[in-house]
Amino acid sequence: MVRFVLRRVLLAVLTLFAISTVTFFLFFAVPTNPAEVMCGDAKACSPQKIAQIERRLGLNKPLTTQYADFMRGVFVGRDIGTGETARDCPAPCLGFSFHYDEPVTGLVMRRLPATLSIVFGAALVQVGLGVAIGMLSALRRGTVFDKVAVGVSLTGASMQVYFLGYLLMILLVYEGGLLPNPGYTALTDNPAAWIGGLMLPWITLGFINSAVYARLSRAQMLETLSEDYVRTARAKGLPRKSVYGRHALRAAITPIVTIAGLDIGAMLGGTVITESVFGIKGMGKTAVDAVRDLDMPVVMATVMFGAFFIVLANIIVDFSYAAIDPRVRLR
């Protein structure tokens, strides 16, 4: 167990190191001067303004020195720029936003709670709803419920957030008045406003993604019910609840945990479309604004945060295997 944990943590660290290196050189080792890119309009950018951006972000140093400063800042922090333009960037320093005039880590951390709120609420809806529909469809194979559930799943899988989101907003907010306008309020400030403002994004994103889980859980449950150990459990006279819940469900849900972990990790990297549709300033909206403003340090930071969540999700999935399926052992 200890060896497995150490091996997975070491692999995660090496993966993040490789991603940070590739990301840094992808953004700052391109033939075009990054300062010219971040300056924006070529006609409005004077050589003096470009030089100012270079000094503020330390881009006037050799590339190897910039990379060494970047890696050091992740662990101990650093000063970005020189002289009067120097800015303090505490650890973990992932760069300094010239557009917001602040370290990008602080900017992303302020926007992160909104993304976390959207993702975990939507995850509960999509996994809970999808698995429940899929399992019931498998147990009632061939019935009207099964056919309706499959049809609803296909409909949900074909939907897009920007279509369903606006449609539900018109029906449930503007016309029906059943839900408040979407928005983000900190959970600690007002729990009721937090739930009300995120209810529509949860329903939209959860319903669309639940289609995948419904079809996957149905297929897995049907396959598991045909296994020898399930038929043996039935032959022994075990209660229906024990056969389906304790034996079949635990084996069928293992692949679903894999997909759920990867989906949640990917969504934490930035629910770009969802946040843009509902006007919520999370990591996804921050990344879109950074691309529009050519604020490359912010773009790079959102990429690295997204990679971190995906790596973390993979580790959690590996540990979940042993807890769910007794046939899996950590080595």
Protein backbone atom coordinates (compact mmCIF):
# COMPACT_ATOMS: atom_id res chain seq x y z
CA MET A 1 0.00 0.00 0.00
CA VAL A 2 2.77 2.45 0.97
CA ARG A 3 4.75 1.59 -2.14
CA PHE A 4 1.68 2.15 -4.29
CA VAL A 5 1.05 5.58 -2.74
CA LEU A 6 4.67 6.65 -3.14
CA ARG A 7 4.78 5.43 -6.73
CA ARG A 8 1.57 7.24 -7.66
CA VAL A 9 2.64 10.48 -5.97
CA LEU A 10 6.05 10.37 -7.66
CA LEU A 11 4.42 9.75 -11.02
CA ALA A 12 2.04 12.66 -10.43
CA VAL A 13 4.92 15.00 -9.54
CA LEU A 14 6.89 13.97 -12.64
CA THR A 15 3.80 14.42 -14.81
CA LEU A 16 3.13 17.92 -13.48
CA PHE A 17 6.80 18.82 -13.90
CA ALA A 18 6.71 17.71 -17.53
CA ILE A 19 3.46 19.61 -18.16
CA SER A 20 4.82 22.78 -16.54
CA THR A 21 7.98 22.58 -18.65
CA VAL A 22 6.12 22.02 -21.91
CA THR A 23 3.60 24.73 -21.07
CA PHE A 24 6.30 27.28 -20.21
CA PHE A 25 8.28 26.75 -23.40
CA LEU A 26 5.09 26.60 -25.45
CA PHE A 27 4.14 30.09 -24.31
CA PHE A 28 7.52 31.77 -23.87
CA ALA A 29 9.89 30.03 -26.31
CA VAL A 30 7.88 30.79 -29.44
CA PRO A 31 9.64 32.73 -32.21
CA THR A 32 7.40 35.76 -31.64
CA ASN A 33 8.29 38.00 -28.72
CA PRO A 34 5.75 37.24 -25.94
CA ALA A 35 5.74 40.91 -24.97
CA GLU A 36 4.59 41.85 -28.48
CA VAL A 37 1.83 39.24 -28.31
CA MET A 38 0.61 40.45 -24.92
CA CYS A 39 0.80 44.07 -26.03
CA GLY A 40 -2.05 43.47 -28.46
CA ASP A 41 -2.58 45.82 -31.39
CA ALA A 42 0.71 46.15 -33.27
CA LYS A 43 -0.07 49.72 -34.35
CA ALA A 44 -0.73 50.87 -30.78
CA CYS A 45 2.31 49.11 -29.30
CA SER A 46 5.35 51.30 -29.26
CA PRO A 47 8.83 49.89 -28.62
CA GLN A 48 8.74 51.63 -25.23
CA LYS A 49 5.54 49.83 -24.23
CA ILE A 50 6.92 46.48 -25.36
CA ALA A 51 10.09 47.09 -23.38
CA GLN A 52 7.96 48.00 -20.33
CA ILE A 53 6.09 44.69 -20.54
CA GLU A 54 9.39 42.85 -20.86
CA ARG A 55 10.75 44.51 -17.73
CA ARG A 56 7.55 43.97 -15.73
CA LEU A 57 7.39 40.26 -16.53
CA GLY A 58 11.13 39.58 -16.62
CA LEU A 59 11.02 38.72 -20.33
CA ASN A 60 14.23 40.65 -20.98
CA LYS A 61 16.23 37.85 -19.32
CA PRO A 62 17.63 34.78 -21.14
CA LEU A 63 15.07 32.02 -21.63
CA THR A 64 16.93 29.57 -19.39
CA THR A 65 17.02 32.17 -16.61
CA GLN A 66 13.29 32.80 -17.03
CA TYR A 67 12.58 29.09 -16.72
CA ALA A 68 14.80 28.73 -13.64
CA ASP A 69 13.05 31.74 -12.05
CA PHE A 70 9.66 30.24 -12.92
CA MET A 71 10.43 26.87 -11.29
CA ARG A 72 11.94 28.55 -8.23
CA GLY A 73 8.89 30.75 -7.86
CA VAL A 74 6.60 27.71 -7.73
CA PHE A 75 8.30 26.56 -4.53
CA VAL A 76 9.67 29.69 -2.80
CA GLY A 77 8.16 32.64 -4.66
CA ARG A 78 10.05 35.35 -6.50
CA ASP A 79 10.19 38.97 -7.58
CA ILE A 80 8.97 39.54 -11.13
CA GLY A 81 10.58 42.39 -13.00
CA THR A 82 13.37 44.72 -11.93
CA GLY A 83 13.68 48.14 -10.36
CA GLU A 84 10.49 50.15 -9.99
CA THR A 85 8.52 47.60 -12.00
CA ALA A 86 9.40 44.71 -9.66
CA ARG A 87 6.41 42.89 -8.19
CA ASP A 88 6.37 40.39 -5.34
CA CYS A 89 4.90 37.00 -6.29
CA PRO A 90 4.61 34.63 -3.29
CA ALA A 91 4.77 30.86 -3.64
CA PRO A 92 3.32 29.10 -5.48
CA CYS A 93 4.07 31.73 -8.12
CA LEU A 94 2.84 30.78 -11.59
CA GLY A 95 3.44 34.17 -13.12
CA PHE A 96 2.21 37.75 -12.95
CA SER A 97 -0.75 39.13 -14.87
CA PHE A 98 0.07 42.42 -16.56
CA HIS A 99 -3.65 42.95 -17.28
CA TYR A 100 -4.83 42.61 -13.65
CA ASP A 101 -1.48 43.71 -12.18
CA GLU A 102 -1.39 40.86 -9.66
CA PRO A 103 0.01 37.32 -9.30
CA VAL A 104 -2.03 34.90 -11.35
CA THR A 105 -2.20 32.36 -8.51
CA GLY A 106 -4.28 34.74 -6.41
CA LEU A 107 -6.50 35.55 -9.39
CA VAL A 108 -7.16 31.88 -10.19
CA MET A 109 -7.75 31.00 -6.54
CA ARG A 110 -10.45 33.68 -6.33
CA ARG A 111 -12.20 32.25 -9.37
CA LEU A 112 -11.69 28.60 -8.37
CA PRO A 113 -14.56 28.35 -5.81
CA ALA A 114 -17.11 29.18 -8.51
CA THR A 115 -15.79 26.42 -10.76
CA LEU A 116 -15.64 23.96 -7.87
CA SER A 117 -19.25 24.75 -6.99
CA ILE A 118 -20.44 24.19 -10.56
CA VAL A 119 -18.48 20.98 -11.08
CA PHE A 120 -19.29 19.16 -7.85
CA GLY A 121 -22.98 20.06 -8.00
CA ALA A 122 -23.21 18.97 -11.63
CA ALA A 123 -21.23 15.80 -10.82
CA LEU A 124 -23.77 14.78 -8.18
CA VAL A 125 -26.58 15.26 -10.69
CA GLN A 126 -24.93 13.52 -13.63
CA VAL A 127 -23.56 10.54 -11.72
CA GLY A 128 -26.55 10.07 -9.43
CA LEU A 129 -29.17 10.52 -12.13
CA GLY A 130 -27.26 8.62 -14.81
CA VAL A 131 -26.37 5.60 -12.66
CA ALA A 132 -29.88 5.37 -11.20
CA ILE A 133 -31.51 5.44 -14.64
CA GLY A 134 -28.98 3.00 -16.09
CA MET A 135 -29.31 0.48 -13.27
CA LEU A 136 -33.11 0.56 -13.31
CA SER A 137 -33.10 0.17 -17.10
CA ALA A 138 -30.88 -2.91 -16.81
CA LEU A 139 -33.12 -4.48 -14.16
CA ARG A 140 -36.21 -3.72 -16.27
CA ARG A 141 -34.74 -4.56 -19.63
CA GLY A 142 -37.21 -4.47 -22.49
CA THR A 143 -39.94 -2.64 -20.56
CA VAL A 144 -41.45 0.76 -21.38
CA PHE A 145 -39.26 2.36 -18.72
CA ASP A 146 -36.14 0.95 -20.36
CA LYS A 147 -37.10 2.25 -23.80
CA VAL A 148 -38.01 5.70 -22.48
CA ALA A 149 -34.79 5.88 -20.48
CA VAL A 150 -32.69 4.98 -23.54
CA GLY A 151 -34.51 7.63 -25.57
CA VAL A 152 -33.96 10.29 -22.93
CA SER A 153 -30.28 9.33 -22.76
CA LEU A 154 -29.87 9.73 -26.51
CA THR A 155 -31.64 13.09 -26.33
CA GLY A 156 -29.41 14.30 -23.51
CA ALA A 157 -26.24 13.12 -25.26
CA SER A 158 -27.17 15.16 -28.35
CA MET A 159 -27.74 18.38 -26.40
CA GLN A 160 -25.23 21.20 -26.04
CA VAL A 161 -24.81 23.45 -23.00
CA TYR A 162 -25.23 26.67 -24.98
CA PHE A 163 -28.58 25.41 -26.38
CA LEU A 164 -30.10 23.69 -23.36
CA GLY A 165 -28.78 26.34 -20.98
CA TYR A 166 -30.43 29.23 -22.79
CA LEU A 167 -33.60 27.21 -23.31
CA LEU A 168 -33.94 26.35 -19.62
CA MET A 169 -33.09 29.92 -18.69
CA ILE A 170 -35.99 31.19 -20.78
CA LEU A 171 -38.44 28.56 -19.48
CA LEU A 172 -37.45 28.40 -15.81
CA VAL A 173 -36.13 31.90 -15.12
CA TYR A 174 -37.59 34.50 -17.47
CA GLU A 175 -40.97 32.93 -18.32
CA GLY A 176 -41.72 30.56 -15.44
CA GLY A 177 -39.95 32.40 -12.64
CA LEU A 178 -39.22 29.05 -10.96
CA LEU A 179 -35.50 29.67 -10.51
CA PRO A 180 -33.48 32.82 -9.79
CA ASN A 181 -31.02 34.27 -12.27
CA PRO A 182 -27.85 32.17 -12.50
CA GLY A 183 -24.87 33.53 -10.63
CA TYR A 184 -22.31 32.70 -8.01
CA THR A 185 -22.55 33.65 -4.34
CA ALA A 186 -20.03 32.28 -1.88
CA LEU A 187 -21.42 29.41 0.16
CA THR A 188 -20.20 31.00 3.39
CA ASP A 189 -21.96 34.29 2.57
CA ASN A 190 -25.42 32.96 1.72
CA PRO A 191 -26.05 29.20 1.31
CA ALA A 192 -29.53 29.73 -0.11
CA ALA A 193 -28.27 32.16 -2.77
CA TRP A 194 -25.40 29.78 -3.54
CA ILE A 195 -27.81 26.92 -4.27
CA GLY A 196 -30.32 29.09 -6.13
CA GLY A 197 -27.74 30.74 -8.38
CA LEU A 198 -26.11 27.45 -9.35
CA MET A 199 -29.25 25.32 -9.68
CA LEU A 200 -29.66 25.97 -13.41
CA PRO A 201 -25.99 25.24 -14.30
CA TRP A 202 -26.18 22.04 -12.23
CA ILE A 203 -29.33 20.87 -14.01
CA THR A 204 -28.03 21.77 -17.47
CA LEU A 205 -24.56 20.29 -17.18
CA GLY A 206 -25.72 17.35 -15.08
CA PHE A 207 -28.51 16.31 -17.45
CA ILE A 208 -26.32 16.46 -20.55
CA ASN A 209 -23.51 14.42 -18.99
CA SER A 210 -25.85 11.97 -17.24
CA ALA A 211 -26.70 10.41 -20.61
CA VAL A 212 -23.23 8.87 -20.84
CA TYR A 213 -23.47 7.41 -17.34
CA ALA A 214 -26.95 6.04 -17.96
CA ARG A 215 -25.90 4.13 -21.06
CA LEU A 216 -22.60 2.97 -19.55
CA SER A 217 -24.13 1.81 -16.25
CA ARG A 218 -26.92 -0.01 -18.10
CA ALA A 219 -24.43 -1.89 -20.29
CA GLN A 220 -22.17 -2.72 -17.34
CA MET A 221 -25.07 -3.90 -15.20
CA LEU A 222 -26.39 -6.17 -17.95
CA GLU A 223 -22.93 -7.68 -18.41
CA THR A 224 -22.45 -8.17 -14.67
CA LEU A 225 -25.84 -9.85 -14.22
CA SER A 226 -24.73 -12.56 -16.62
CA GLU A 227 -21.58 -13.37 -14.62
CA ASP A 228 -21.27 -16.75 -12.90
CA TYR A 229 -20.91 -15.37 -9.39
CA VAL A 230 -24.18 -13.43 -9.73
CA ARG A 231 -26.01 -16.54 -10.91
CA THR A 232 -24.44 -18.45 -8.01
CA ALA A 233 -25.67 -15.84 -5.56
CA ARG A 234 -29.17 -16.20 -6.96
CA ALA A 235 -28.97 -19.99 -6.77
CA LYS A 236 -28.02 -19.77 -3.10
CA GLY A 237 -31.27 -17.96 -2.45
CA LEU A 238 -29.77 -14.61 -1.46
CA PRO A 239 -32.24 -11.73 -1.30
CA ARG A 240 -32.74 -9.75 -4.51
CA LYS A 241 -31.44 -6.61 -2.81
CA SER A 242 -28.22 -8.35 -1.79
CA VAL A 243 -27.63 -9.87 -5.22
CA TYR A 244 -28.11 -6.62 -7.11
CA GLY A 245 -26.76 -4.17 -4.56
CA ARG A 246 -23.88 -5.99 -2.92
CA HIS A 247 -22.61 -8.17 -5.75
CA ALA A 248 -23.70 -6.86 -9.15
CA LEU A 249 -23.65 -3.12 -8.48
CA ARG A 250 -20.18 -3.03 -6.90
CA ALA A 251 -18.64 -4.81 -9.89
CA ALA A 252 -20.57 -2.81 -12.48
CA ILE A 253 -19.77 0.58 -10.98
CA THR A 254 -15.96 0.29 -11.23
CA PRO A 255 -15.69 1.54 -14.87
CA ILE A 256 -18.15 4.30 -14.02
CA VAL A 257 -15.84 5.53 -11.26
CA THR A 258 -13.04 5.77 -13.82
CA ILE A 259 -15.10 7.88 -16.20
CA ALA A 260 -16.48 10.02 -13.37
CA GLY A 261 -13.02 10.75 -11.98
CA LEU A 262 -11.66 11.79 -15.36
CA ASP A 263 -14.76 13.85 -16.17
CA ILE A 264 -14.63 15.73 -12.88
CA GLY A 265 -10.92 16.36 -13.28
CA ALA A 266 -11.45 17.68 -16.80
CA MET A 267 -14.36 19.90 -15.75
CA LEU A 268 -12.32 21.36 -12.91
CA GLY A 269 -9.83 22.42 -15.53
CA GLY A 270 -12.42 24.92 -16.68
CA THR A 271 -16.12 24.71 -17.51
CA VAL A 272 -15.62 27.28 -20.25
CA ILE A 273 -18.93 27.05 -22.08
CA THR A 274 -21.06 26.65 -18.94
CA GLU A 275 -19.53 29.66 -17.22
CA SER A 276 -19.80 31.76 -20.38
CA VAL A 277 -23.47 30.84 -20.92
CA PHE A 278 -24.52 31.64 -17.36
CA GLY A 279 -22.14 34.57 -16.83
CA ILE A 280 -20.27 33.02 -13.90
CA LYS A 281 -16.67 34.09 -13.41
CA GLY A 282 -14.84 30.85 -12.75
CA MET A 283 -11.64 29.37 -14.10
CA GLY A 284 -13.13 28.74 -17.54
CA LYS A 285 -14.35 32.31 -17.95
CA THR A 286 -11.00 33.55 -16.64
CA ALA A 287 -9.17 31.53 -19.30
CA VAL A 288 -11.43 32.87 -22.06
CA ASP A 289 -10.91 36.46 -20.88
CA ALA A 290 -7.16 35.87 -20.66
CA VAL A 291 -7.05 34.62 -24.25
CA ARG A 292 -9.04 37.64 -25.38
CA ASP A 293 -6.75 40.01 -23.44
CA LEU A 294 -3.61 38.11 -24.56
CA ASP A 295 -2.69 37.68 -20.90
CA MET A 296 -0.41 34.69 -21.40
CA PRO A 297 0.62 34.12 -17.73
CA VAL A 298 -3.05 33.67 -16.80
CA VAL A 299 -3.63 31.27 -19.70
CA MET A 300 -0.60 29.25 -18.65
CA ALA A 301 -1.78 29.14 -15.03
CA THR A 302 -5.24 27.88 -15.97
CA VAL A 303 -3.64 25.16 -18.11
CA MET A 304 -1.49 24.02 -15.19
CA PHE A 305 -4.42 24.08 -12.75
CA GLY A 306 -6.42 21.96 -15.18
CA ALA A 307 -3.55 19.47 -15.48
CA PHE A 308 -3.25 19.30 -11.70
CA PHE A 309 -6.92 18.42 -11.26
CA ILE A 310 -6.78 15.71 -13.93
CA VAL A 311 -3.72 14.11 -12.31
CA LEU A 312 -5.36 14.32 -8.89
CA ALA A 313 -8.54 12.74 -10.23
CA ASN A 314 -6.54 9.80 -11.60
CA ILE A 315 -4.97 9.17 -8.18
CA ILE A 316 -8.36 9.27 -6.45
CA VAL A 317 -9.79 6.84 -9.01
CA ASP A 318 -6.97 4.36 -8.36
CA PHE A 319 -7.70 4.37 -4.62
CA SER A 320 -11.44 4.10 -5.23
CA TYR A 321 -11.00 0.82 -7.10
CA ALA A 322 -9.91 -1.07 -4.01
CA ALA A 323 -12.74 0.35 -1.91
CA ILE A 324 -15.44 -0.51 -4.45
CA ASP A 325 -14.30 -3.79 -5.97
CA PRO A 326 -12.70 -6.36 -3.62
CA ARG A 327 -11.15 -8.11 -6.63
CA VAL A 328 -8.83 -5.12 -7.10
CA ARG A 329 -5.70 -4.93 -4.96
CA LEU A 330 -3.24 -2.06 -4.79
CA ARG A 331 0.27 -3.09 -5.64
